[in-house]
N, C-alpha and C. Protein backbone atom coordinates (compact mmCIF):
# COMPACT_ATOMS: atom_id res chain seq x y z
N MET A 1 -14.16 12.71 21.10
CA MET A 1 -14.72 11.96 19.98
C MET A 1 -13.64 11.09 19.36
N THR A 2 -13.96 9.85 19.09
CA THR A 2 -13.05 8.94 18.43
C THR A 2 -13.21 9.11 16.93
N ILE A 3 -12.09 9.23 16.23
CA ILE A 3 -12.14 9.34 14.79
C ILE A 3 -11.50 8.10 14.19
N GLY A 4 -12.13 7.59 13.15
CA GLY A 4 -11.61 6.42 12.48
C GLY A 4 -10.56 6.79 11.45
N PRO A 5 -10.00 5.79 10.77
CA PRO A 5 -9.05 6.06 9.70
C PRO A 5 -9.69 6.95 8.63
N VAL A 6 -8.91 7.90 8.12
CA VAL A 6 -9.41 8.86 7.14
C VAL A 6 -8.69 8.62 5.81
N GLN A 7 -9.47 8.67 4.73
CA GLN A 7 -8.94 8.40 3.40
C GLN A 7 -9.41 9.48 2.44
N LEU A 8 -8.51 9.93 1.56
CA LEU A 8 -8.87 10.83 0.47
C LEU A 8 -9.03 9.99 -0.78
N VAL A 9 -10.22 10.02 -1.36
CA VAL A 9 -10.50 9.28 -2.59
C VAL A 9 -10.76 10.31 -3.70
N VAL A 10 -10.09 10.15 -4.83
CA VAL A 10 -10.26 11.05 -5.96
C VAL A 10 -10.82 10.23 -7.12
N LEU A 11 -12.03 10.59 -7.56
CA LEU A 11 -12.72 9.85 -8.62
C LEU A 11 -12.89 10.75 -9.84
N GLY A 12 -12.54 10.25 -11.02
CA GLY A 12 -12.63 11.03 -12.24
C GLY A 12 -13.93 10.80 -12.99
N PHE A 13 -14.38 11.83 -13.71
CA PHE A 13 -15.62 11.78 -14.49
C PHE A 13 -15.43 12.56 -15.79
N PRO A 14 -16.15 12.18 -16.84
CA PRO A 14 -16.02 12.90 -18.11
C PRO A 14 -16.59 14.32 -18.06
N ASP A 15 -17.55 14.58 -17.18
CA ASP A 15 -18.11 15.93 -17.04
C ASP A 15 -18.56 16.13 -15.60
N PRO A 16 -18.84 17.38 -15.22
CA PRO A 16 -19.15 17.65 -13.81
C PRO A 16 -20.59 17.36 -13.39
N ASP A 17 -21.36 16.66 -14.18
CA ASP A 17 -22.76 16.39 -13.86
C ASP A 17 -22.91 15.01 -13.21
N PHE A 18 -22.41 14.87 -11.97
CA PHE A 18 -22.44 13.57 -11.29
C PHE A 18 -22.94 13.67 -9.86
N HIS A 19 -23.32 14.82 -9.40
CA HIS A 19 -23.63 15.07 -8.00
C HIS A 19 -24.72 14.18 -7.42
N GLY A 20 -25.85 14.01 -8.11
CA GLY A 20 -27.01 13.31 -7.55
C GLY A 20 -26.72 11.89 -7.11
N ALA A 21 -26.16 11.10 -7.98
CA ALA A 21 -25.92 9.69 -7.67
C ALA A 21 -24.89 9.53 -6.55
N ILE A 22 -23.86 10.34 -6.55
CA ILE A 22 -22.83 10.22 -5.52
C ILE A 22 -23.37 10.66 -4.16
N ILE A 23 -24.07 11.77 -4.12
CA ILE A 23 -24.63 12.24 -2.85
C ILE A 23 -25.61 11.22 -2.28
N THR A 24 -26.41 10.60 -3.14
CA THR A 24 -27.35 9.58 -2.69
C THR A 24 -26.63 8.41 -2.04
N GLU A 25 -25.56 7.94 -2.67
CA GLU A 25 -24.82 6.81 -2.12
C GLU A 25 -24.07 7.20 -0.84
N LEU A 26 -23.50 8.39 -0.80
CA LEU A 26 -22.82 8.84 0.42
C LEU A 26 -23.81 8.95 1.57
N ASP A 27 -25.02 9.44 1.29
CA ASP A 27 -26.05 9.52 2.32
C ASP A 27 -26.41 8.14 2.85
N ARG A 28 -26.50 7.15 1.96
CA ARG A 28 -26.82 5.78 2.37
C ARG A 28 -25.73 5.22 3.29
N LEU A 29 -24.48 5.44 2.92
CA LEU A 29 -23.37 4.95 3.74
C LEU A 29 -23.31 5.67 5.08
N ARG A 30 -23.63 6.95 5.08
CA ARG A 30 -23.66 7.75 6.31
C ARG A 30 -24.73 7.22 7.26
N GLU A 31 -25.91 6.89 6.72
CA GLU A 31 -27.03 6.41 7.54
C GLU A 31 -26.69 5.10 8.25
N THR A 32 -25.84 4.27 7.66
CA THR A 32 -25.46 3.00 8.27
C THR A 32 -24.22 3.14 9.16
N ASP A 33 -23.70 4.36 9.29
CA ASP A 33 -22.50 4.66 10.07
C ASP A 33 -21.29 3.89 9.57
N THR A 34 -21.31 3.54 8.29
CA THR A 34 -20.16 2.88 7.67
C THR A 34 -19.04 3.89 7.47
N ILE A 35 -19.40 5.06 6.98
CA ILE A 35 -18.45 6.14 6.77
C ILE A 35 -19.03 7.45 7.30
N ARG A 36 -18.15 8.42 7.46
CA ARG A 36 -18.56 9.80 7.69
C ARG A 36 -17.86 10.62 6.63
N VAL A 37 -18.60 11.45 5.93
CA VAL A 37 -18.01 12.32 4.94
C VAL A 37 -17.51 13.56 5.67
N ILE A 38 -16.20 13.70 5.72
CA ILE A 38 -15.60 14.86 6.37
C ILE A 38 -15.69 16.06 5.44
N ASP A 39 -15.45 15.83 4.17
CA ASP A 39 -15.53 16.88 3.16
C ASP A 39 -15.66 16.22 1.80
N ALA A 40 -16.27 16.94 0.88
CA ALA A 40 -16.43 16.44 -0.49
C ALA A 40 -16.42 17.64 -1.44
N LEU A 41 -15.55 17.58 -2.43
CA LEU A 41 -15.45 18.65 -3.42
C LEU A 41 -15.68 18.11 -4.82
N ALA A 42 -16.32 18.92 -5.63
CA ALA A 42 -16.44 18.64 -7.06
C ALA A 42 -15.48 19.58 -7.77
N VAL A 43 -14.67 19.04 -8.65
CA VAL A 43 -13.68 19.83 -9.38
C VAL A 43 -13.93 19.64 -10.86
N HIS A 44 -13.97 20.75 -11.59
CA HIS A 44 -14.06 20.69 -13.05
C HIS A 44 -12.81 21.36 -13.61
N LYS A 45 -12.09 20.63 -14.47
CA LYS A 45 -10.87 21.17 -15.07
C LYS A 45 -11.15 21.38 -16.55
N ASP A 46 -11.06 22.63 -17.02
CA ASP A 46 -11.33 22.90 -18.44
C ASP A 46 -10.15 22.44 -19.29
N PHE A 47 -10.29 22.57 -20.61
CA PHE A 47 -9.25 22.09 -21.52
C PHE A 47 -7.96 22.88 -21.42
N GLY A 48 -8.01 24.06 -20.83
CA GLY A 48 -6.80 24.86 -20.61
C GLY A 48 -6.16 24.62 -19.26
N GLY A 49 -6.73 23.73 -18.45
CA GLY A 49 -6.20 23.43 -17.13
C GLY A 49 -6.79 24.29 -16.02
N GLY A 50 -7.71 25.21 -16.36
CA GLY A 50 -8.36 26.03 -15.35
C GLY A 50 -9.28 25.18 -14.49
N ILE A 51 -9.37 25.52 -13.20
CA ILE A 51 -10.11 24.69 -12.25
C ILE A 51 -11.25 25.47 -11.63
N GLU A 52 -12.43 24.85 -11.59
CA GLU A 52 -13.58 25.35 -10.83
C GLU A 52 -13.86 24.34 -9.74
N VAL A 53 -14.12 24.83 -8.52
CA VAL A 53 -14.34 23.95 -7.37
C VAL A 53 -15.65 24.30 -6.70
N ALA A 54 -16.40 23.28 -6.30
CA ALA A 54 -17.63 23.49 -5.53
C ALA A 54 -17.73 22.37 -4.50
N HIS A 55 -18.36 22.67 -3.36
CA HIS A 55 -18.59 21.62 -2.37
C HIS A 55 -19.62 20.65 -2.90
N LEU A 56 -19.35 19.39 -2.74
CA LEU A 56 -20.22 18.32 -3.22
C LEU A 56 -21.06 17.83 -2.05
N SER A 57 -22.07 18.63 -1.72
CA SER A 57 -22.92 18.25 -0.59
C SER A 57 -24.16 19.12 -0.59
N ASN A 58 -24.98 18.90 0.41
CA ASN A 58 -26.21 19.67 0.53
C ASN A 58 -26.04 20.91 1.40
N ILE A 59 -24.81 21.21 1.84
CA ILE A 59 -24.62 22.39 2.68
C ILE A 59 -24.43 23.62 1.82
N SER A 60 -24.76 24.77 2.39
CA SER A 60 -24.65 26.02 1.65
C SER A 60 -23.18 26.45 1.56
N ASP A 61 -22.90 27.41 0.66
CA ASP A 61 -21.54 27.94 0.54
C ASP A 61 -21.10 28.58 1.85
N GLU A 62 -22.03 29.26 2.55
CA GLU A 62 -21.69 29.90 3.82
C GLU A 62 -21.30 28.85 4.87
N GLU A 63 -22.06 27.74 4.94
CA GLU A 63 -21.72 26.67 5.88
C GLU A 63 -20.38 26.05 5.50
N ALA A 64 -20.15 25.90 4.22
CA ALA A 64 -18.88 25.31 3.76
C ALA A 64 -17.71 26.19 4.18
N ILE A 65 -17.86 27.51 4.05
CA ILE A 65 -16.79 28.42 4.46
C ILE A 65 -16.60 28.36 5.96
N GLU A 66 -17.71 28.29 6.71
CA GLU A 66 -17.63 28.22 8.18
C GLU A 66 -16.92 26.94 8.61
N LEU A 67 -17.28 25.82 8.00
CA LEU A 67 -16.66 24.54 8.35
C LEU A 67 -15.24 24.45 7.82
N GLY A 68 -14.98 25.13 6.72
CA GLY A 68 -13.68 25.05 6.09
C GLY A 68 -13.60 23.85 5.18
N SER A 69 -12.76 23.94 4.20
CA SER A 69 -12.56 22.82 3.30
C SER A 69 -11.37 22.02 3.78
N LYS A 70 -11.63 20.87 4.36
CA LYS A 70 -10.56 20.02 4.85
C LYS A 70 -9.74 19.48 3.68
N ILE A 71 -10.41 19.15 2.58
CA ILE A 71 -9.69 18.68 1.39
C ILE A 71 -8.82 19.80 0.85
N GLY A 72 -9.39 21.01 0.77
CA GLY A 72 -8.62 22.14 0.28
C GLY A 72 -7.34 22.33 1.07
N ALA A 73 -7.43 22.20 2.39
CA ALA A 73 -6.24 22.34 3.23
C ALA A 73 -5.25 21.20 2.99
N LEU A 74 -5.76 20.00 2.81
CA LEU A 74 -4.91 18.83 2.62
C LEU A 74 -4.15 18.87 1.31
N ILE A 75 -4.79 19.36 0.26
CA ILE A 75 -4.14 19.36 -1.06
C ILE A 75 -3.59 20.73 -1.43
N GLY A 76 -3.68 21.70 -0.53
CA GLY A 76 -3.10 23.01 -0.80
C GLY A 76 -3.93 23.86 -1.73
N LEU A 77 -5.24 23.67 -1.73
CA LEU A 77 -6.15 24.43 -2.58
C LEU A 77 -6.90 25.41 -1.71
N GLY A 78 -6.56 26.68 -1.78
CA GLY A 78 -7.18 27.70 -0.94
C GLY A 78 -8.49 28.17 -1.51
N ILE A 79 -9.61 27.49 -1.19
CA ILE A 79 -10.89 27.87 -1.79
C ILE A 79 -11.76 28.69 -0.87
N GLU A 80 -11.29 28.93 0.37
CA GLU A 80 -12.10 29.74 1.28
C GLU A 80 -11.65 31.18 1.33
N GLY A 81 -10.65 31.55 0.55
CA GLY A 81 -10.18 32.93 0.57
C GLY A 81 -9.50 33.26 1.88
N GLU A 82 -9.59 34.54 2.26
CA GLU A 82 -8.91 35.02 3.47
C GLU A 82 -9.39 34.33 4.73
N GLU A 83 -10.72 34.06 4.85
CA GLU A 83 -11.24 33.42 6.06
C GLU A 83 -10.62 32.03 6.24
N GLY A 84 -10.55 31.28 5.16
CA GLY A 84 -9.99 29.94 5.24
C GLY A 84 -8.51 29.95 5.57
N MET A 85 -7.78 30.90 4.98
CA MET A 85 -6.35 30.99 5.26
C MET A 85 -6.10 31.35 6.72
N ALA A 86 -6.89 32.28 7.25
CA ALA A 86 -6.73 32.70 8.65
C ALA A 86 -7.06 31.55 9.60
N ALA A 87 -8.14 30.82 9.31
CA ALA A 87 -8.53 29.69 10.16
C ALA A 87 -7.46 28.61 10.12
N GLY A 88 -6.94 28.30 8.96
CA GLY A 88 -5.89 27.29 8.83
C GLY A 88 -4.62 27.69 9.56
N ALA A 89 -4.26 28.98 9.47
CA ALA A 89 -3.06 29.46 10.15
C ALA A 89 -3.22 29.34 11.66
N ALA A 90 -4.42 29.63 12.18
CA ALA A 90 -4.67 29.54 13.62
C ALA A 90 -4.55 28.10 14.11
N VAL A 91 -5.12 27.16 13.36
CA VAL A 91 -5.03 25.74 13.73
C VAL A 91 -3.58 25.29 13.70
N GLY A 92 -2.85 25.68 12.67
CA GLY A 92 -1.44 25.31 12.56
C GLY A 92 -0.61 25.87 13.70
N ALA A 93 -0.87 27.12 14.09
CA ALA A 93 -0.13 27.74 15.19
C ALA A 93 -0.41 27.02 16.50
N ASP A 94 -1.66 26.67 16.75
CA ASP A 94 -2.02 25.95 17.97
C ASP A 94 -1.33 24.58 18.02
N ALA A 95 -1.33 23.88 16.89
CA ALA A 95 -0.71 22.56 16.83
C ALA A 95 0.80 22.67 17.05
N ALA A 96 1.42 23.67 16.44
CA ALA A 96 2.87 23.85 16.61
C ALA A 96 3.20 24.15 18.07
N ALA A 97 2.35 24.94 18.72
CA ALA A 97 2.57 25.26 20.14
C ALA A 97 2.48 24.00 21.00
N ASP A 98 1.70 23.02 20.55
CA ASP A 98 1.57 21.76 21.28
C ASP A 98 2.65 20.75 20.89
N GLY A 99 3.59 21.16 20.02
CA GLY A 99 4.68 20.29 19.62
C GLY A 99 4.36 19.34 18.48
N ILE A 100 3.27 19.61 17.76
CA ILE A 100 2.89 18.76 16.64
C ILE A 100 3.44 19.37 15.37
N GLU A 101 4.21 18.59 14.61
CA GLU A 101 4.77 19.08 13.36
C GLU A 101 3.71 19.02 12.26
N MET A 102 3.37 20.17 11.70
CA MET A 102 2.36 20.25 10.65
C MET A 102 3.04 20.20 9.29
N PHE A 103 2.31 19.72 8.28
CA PHE A 103 2.87 19.72 6.93
C PHE A 103 2.74 21.10 6.32
N SER A 104 3.62 21.37 5.37
CA SER A 104 3.64 22.68 4.71
C SER A 104 2.96 22.57 3.35
N ASP A 105 2.86 23.71 2.65
CA ASP A 105 2.30 23.69 1.30
C ASP A 105 3.08 22.77 0.37
N GLU A 106 4.39 22.65 0.63
CA GLU A 106 5.21 21.76 -0.21
C GLU A 106 4.84 20.29 0.02
N ASP A 107 4.28 19.99 1.20
CA ASP A 107 3.89 18.62 1.52
C ASP A 107 2.47 18.28 1.07
N ALA A 108 1.73 19.26 0.59
CA ALA A 108 0.33 19.04 0.20
C ALA A 108 0.26 18.01 -0.93
N TRP A 109 -0.80 17.26 -0.94
CA TRP A 109 -0.99 16.22 -1.95
C TRP A 109 -1.39 16.87 -3.27
N ASP A 110 -0.70 16.52 -4.35
CA ASP A 110 -0.96 17.12 -5.65
C ASP A 110 -1.90 16.23 -6.46
N VAL A 111 -3.12 16.06 -5.97
CA VAL A 111 -4.07 15.19 -6.67
C VAL A 111 -4.73 15.88 -7.86
N LEU A 112 -4.74 17.21 -7.87
CA LEU A 112 -5.39 17.92 -8.98
C LEU A 112 -4.65 17.74 -10.29
N SER A 113 -3.34 17.50 -10.23
CA SER A 113 -2.59 17.29 -11.47
C SER A 113 -2.99 15.99 -12.16
N GLU A 114 -3.59 15.08 -11.41
CA GLU A 114 -4.03 13.80 -11.98
C GLU A 114 -5.38 13.90 -12.69
N VAL A 115 -6.10 15.01 -12.48
CA VAL A 115 -7.40 15.20 -13.14
C VAL A 115 -7.12 15.65 -14.58
N PRO A 116 -7.53 14.85 -15.58
CA PRO A 116 -7.26 15.24 -16.97
C PRO A 116 -7.98 16.53 -17.36
N ASP A 117 -7.33 17.35 -18.19
CA ASP A 117 -7.99 18.54 -18.72
C ASP A 117 -9.28 18.14 -19.42
N GLY A 118 -10.30 18.96 -19.29
CA GLY A 118 -11.59 18.69 -19.93
C GLY A 118 -12.41 17.63 -19.22
N SER A 119 -12.13 17.41 -17.93
CA SER A 119 -12.90 16.41 -17.18
C SER A 119 -13.23 16.96 -15.79
N ALA A 120 -13.79 16.10 -14.97
CA ALA A 120 -14.19 16.49 -13.63
C ALA A 120 -13.74 15.43 -12.63
N ALA A 121 -13.80 15.79 -11.36
CA ALA A 121 -13.43 14.84 -10.30
C ALA A 121 -14.26 15.11 -9.05
N ALA A 122 -14.49 14.06 -8.31
CA ALA A 122 -15.07 14.17 -6.97
C ALA A 122 -13.95 13.82 -6.01
N LEU A 123 -13.67 14.71 -5.08
CA LEU A 123 -12.67 14.48 -4.05
C LEU A 123 -13.41 14.26 -2.74
N LEU A 124 -13.26 13.08 -2.18
CA LEU A 124 -14.00 12.69 -0.98
C LEU A 124 -13.04 12.42 0.15
N LEU A 125 -13.20 13.12 1.27
CA LEU A 125 -12.42 12.85 2.46
C LEU A 125 -13.34 12.07 3.39
N LEU A 126 -13.05 10.78 3.54
CA LEU A 126 -13.94 9.86 4.23
C LEU A 126 -13.31 9.33 5.51
N GLU A 127 -14.10 9.31 6.57
CA GLU A 127 -13.70 8.64 7.80
C GLU A 127 -14.33 7.25 7.77
N HIS A 128 -13.51 6.24 7.92
CA HIS A 128 -14.00 4.86 7.92
C HIS A 128 -14.44 4.48 9.33
N ARG A 129 -15.72 4.72 9.62
CA ARG A 129 -16.28 4.45 10.94
C ARG A 129 -16.25 2.95 11.26
N TRP A 130 -16.44 2.12 10.26
CA TRP A 130 -16.46 0.67 10.46
C TRP A 130 -15.12 0.17 10.99
N ALA A 131 -14.04 0.90 10.72
CA ALA A 131 -12.69 0.43 11.05
C ALA A 131 -12.24 0.80 12.46
N ILE A 132 -13.01 1.61 13.18
CA ILE A 132 -12.59 2.04 14.52
C ILE A 132 -12.36 0.86 15.46
N PRO A 133 -13.33 -0.07 15.59
CA PRO A 133 -13.08 -1.20 16.51
C PRO A 133 -11.88 -2.06 16.08
N LEU A 134 -11.70 -2.26 14.78
CA LEU A 134 -10.56 -3.04 14.30
C LEU A 134 -9.25 -2.33 14.60
N ARG A 135 -9.18 -1.04 14.31
CA ARG A 135 -7.97 -0.26 14.60
C ARG A 135 -7.65 -0.30 16.08
N ASP A 136 -8.66 -0.12 16.93
CA ASP A 136 -8.45 -0.13 18.38
C ASP A 136 -7.99 -1.49 18.87
N ALA A 137 -8.52 -2.57 18.30
CA ALA A 137 -8.10 -3.92 18.68
C ALA A 137 -6.64 -4.16 18.28
N VAL A 138 -6.27 -3.70 17.09
CA VAL A 138 -4.88 -3.83 16.64
C VAL A 138 -3.96 -3.07 17.58
N ALA A 139 -4.33 -1.82 17.91
CA ALA A 139 -3.50 -1.00 18.80
C ALA A 139 -3.41 -1.61 20.19
N ALA A 140 -4.50 -2.19 20.68
CA ALA A 140 -4.52 -2.78 22.03
C ALA A 140 -3.57 -3.97 22.13
N THR A 141 -3.28 -4.61 21.01
CA THR A 141 -2.35 -5.74 21.01
C THR A 141 -0.95 -5.33 20.59
N GLY A 142 -0.71 -4.01 20.50
CA GLY A 142 0.63 -3.52 20.16
C GLY A 142 0.88 -3.40 18.67
N GLY A 143 -0.13 -3.60 17.87
CA GLY A 143 0.04 -3.52 16.42
C GLY A 143 -0.08 -2.09 15.91
N PHE A 144 0.35 -1.89 14.69
CA PHE A 144 0.28 -0.57 14.05
C PHE A 144 0.27 -0.74 12.54
N ARG A 145 -0.19 0.29 11.84
CA ARG A 145 -0.29 0.26 10.38
C ARG A 145 1.08 0.45 9.76
N LEU A 146 1.44 -0.43 8.87
CA LEU A 146 2.68 -0.31 8.11
C LEU A 146 2.42 0.27 6.72
N SER A 147 1.29 -0.11 6.11
CA SER A 147 1.00 0.33 4.76
C SER A 147 -0.47 0.08 4.48
N ASP A 148 -0.99 0.71 3.43
CA ASP A 148 -2.34 0.43 2.99
C ASP A 148 -2.47 0.83 1.53
N GLY A 149 -3.50 0.36 0.89
CA GLY A 149 -3.75 0.70 -0.50
C GLY A 149 -4.82 -0.18 -1.08
N PHE A 150 -5.38 0.27 -2.18
CA PHE A 150 -6.36 -0.53 -2.90
C PHE A 150 -5.63 -1.51 -3.81
N VAL A 151 -6.16 -2.71 -3.95
CA VAL A 151 -5.59 -3.73 -4.81
C VAL A 151 -6.31 -3.67 -6.15
N SER A 152 -5.55 -3.64 -7.22
CA SER A 152 -6.13 -3.61 -8.56
C SER A 152 -6.90 -4.91 -8.82
N PRO A 153 -8.05 -4.81 -9.50
CA PRO A 153 -8.77 -6.03 -9.85
C PRO A 153 -7.92 -7.00 -10.67
N LEU A 154 -6.98 -6.49 -11.45
CA LEU A 154 -6.12 -7.37 -12.25
C LEU A 154 -5.24 -8.24 -11.38
N ASP A 155 -4.86 -7.75 -10.20
CA ASP A 155 -4.05 -8.54 -9.28
C ASP A 155 -4.87 -9.62 -8.58
N LEU A 156 -6.19 -9.47 -8.58
CA LEU A 156 -7.05 -10.45 -7.93
C LEU A 156 -7.17 -11.75 -8.73
N ILE A 157 -6.82 -11.71 -10.00
CA ILE A 157 -6.84 -12.92 -10.84
C ILE A 157 -5.87 -13.95 -10.28
N THR A 158 -4.66 -13.50 -9.94
CA THR A 158 -3.60 -14.43 -9.51
C THR A 158 -3.92 -15.15 -8.21
N ILE A 159 -4.83 -14.59 -7.41
CA ILE A 159 -5.18 -15.26 -6.16
C ILE A 159 -6.53 -15.97 -6.26
N GLY A 160 -7.10 -15.97 -7.47
CA GLY A 160 -8.33 -16.71 -7.70
C GLY A 160 -9.60 -16.07 -7.16
N LEU A 161 -9.55 -14.78 -6.84
CA LEU A 161 -10.72 -14.12 -6.29
C LEU A 161 -11.72 -13.72 -7.38
N VAL A 162 -11.21 -13.41 -8.57
CA VAL A 162 -12.08 -13.09 -9.71
C VAL A 162 -11.50 -13.73 -10.96
N SER A 163 -12.36 -13.90 -11.95
CA SER A 163 -11.90 -14.44 -13.24
C SER A 163 -11.23 -13.33 -14.03
N ALA A 164 -10.53 -13.72 -15.09
CA ALA A 164 -9.87 -12.73 -15.94
C ALA A 164 -10.89 -11.77 -16.54
N GLU A 165 -12.03 -12.29 -16.97
CA GLU A 165 -13.06 -11.44 -17.57
C GLU A 165 -13.64 -10.46 -16.55
N GLU A 166 -13.92 -10.96 -15.33
CA GLU A 166 -14.42 -10.07 -14.26
C GLU A 166 -13.39 -8.98 -13.94
N ALA A 167 -12.13 -9.38 -13.85
CA ALA A 167 -11.07 -8.42 -13.53
C ALA A 167 -10.95 -7.35 -14.60
N LYS A 168 -11.05 -7.74 -15.87
CA LYS A 168 -10.97 -6.76 -16.96
C LYS A 168 -12.13 -5.77 -16.87
N GLN A 169 -13.32 -6.28 -16.58
CA GLN A 169 -14.49 -5.40 -16.46
C GLN A 169 -14.35 -4.44 -15.27
N LEU A 170 -13.92 -4.97 -14.12
CA LEU A 170 -13.74 -4.13 -12.95
C LEU A 170 -12.63 -3.10 -13.17
N HIS A 171 -11.54 -3.54 -13.79
CA HIS A 171 -10.43 -2.62 -14.07
C HIS A 171 -10.89 -1.50 -15.01
N ALA A 172 -11.68 -1.85 -16.01
CA ALA A 172 -12.19 -0.85 -16.95
C ALA A 172 -13.11 0.14 -16.22
N LEU A 173 -13.93 -0.37 -15.29
CA LEU A 173 -14.81 0.52 -14.52
C LEU A 173 -13.99 1.49 -13.65
N GLU A 174 -12.93 0.99 -13.05
CA GLU A 174 -12.14 1.79 -12.12
C GLU A 174 -11.19 2.77 -12.81
N THR A 175 -10.80 2.48 -14.03
CA THR A 175 -9.74 3.28 -14.66
C THR A 175 -10.19 3.98 -15.95
N ALA A 176 -11.46 3.93 -16.28
CA ALA A 176 -11.94 4.56 -17.52
C ALA A 176 -11.64 6.05 -17.48
N THR A 177 -11.12 6.55 -18.55
CA THR A 177 -10.86 7.99 -18.67
C THR A 177 -11.84 8.58 -19.68
N PRO A 178 -12.13 9.86 -19.52
CA PRO A 178 -13.10 10.47 -20.43
C PRO A 178 -12.57 10.54 -21.86
N SER A 179 -13.46 10.33 -22.79
CA SER A 179 -13.10 10.49 -24.19
C SER A 179 -13.84 11.70 -24.72
N HIS A 180 -13.11 12.57 -25.35
CA HIS A 180 -13.68 13.81 -25.90
C HIS A 180 -13.53 13.77 -27.41
N THR A 181 -14.62 14.03 -28.07
CA THR A 181 -14.58 14.01 -29.53
C THR A 181 -14.58 15.40 -30.09
């Protein structure tokens, strides 16, 4: 199976009641084969920094444990208990035997620290299916990825892609933080 480029997207919300709209949009993108959702987690961080985690999908908790949390493994969040730890250790041992250097817990991405206390987040591990032919064409010509990232709407003003007012609105949409009264 060919896998496309994979991206971890972390989206913040003022409260954990966001599942319906996100799942609907992810389903739409899945149907067009634009993306594949490898894993999706909903995280709620209370005002004391305590974290509750649930899979953000239509699969059952049992299926989620069977499949494993790919995001949990990537960010060092052990949400599958002993079964998940054993499965992860087995995959790591197999990869090491094949000469592949695996990352350690120290290398895990610390995205949970960016979730403000008293708010929620959706963590989406997405495969960009649309990018497979482009990636393969680049590789076929000897090219390779040097860097990637999202461009802030504010930076789009300087190249004339959006107006200052549009950029401010888009930036506010992308960076709004929850306000608690």
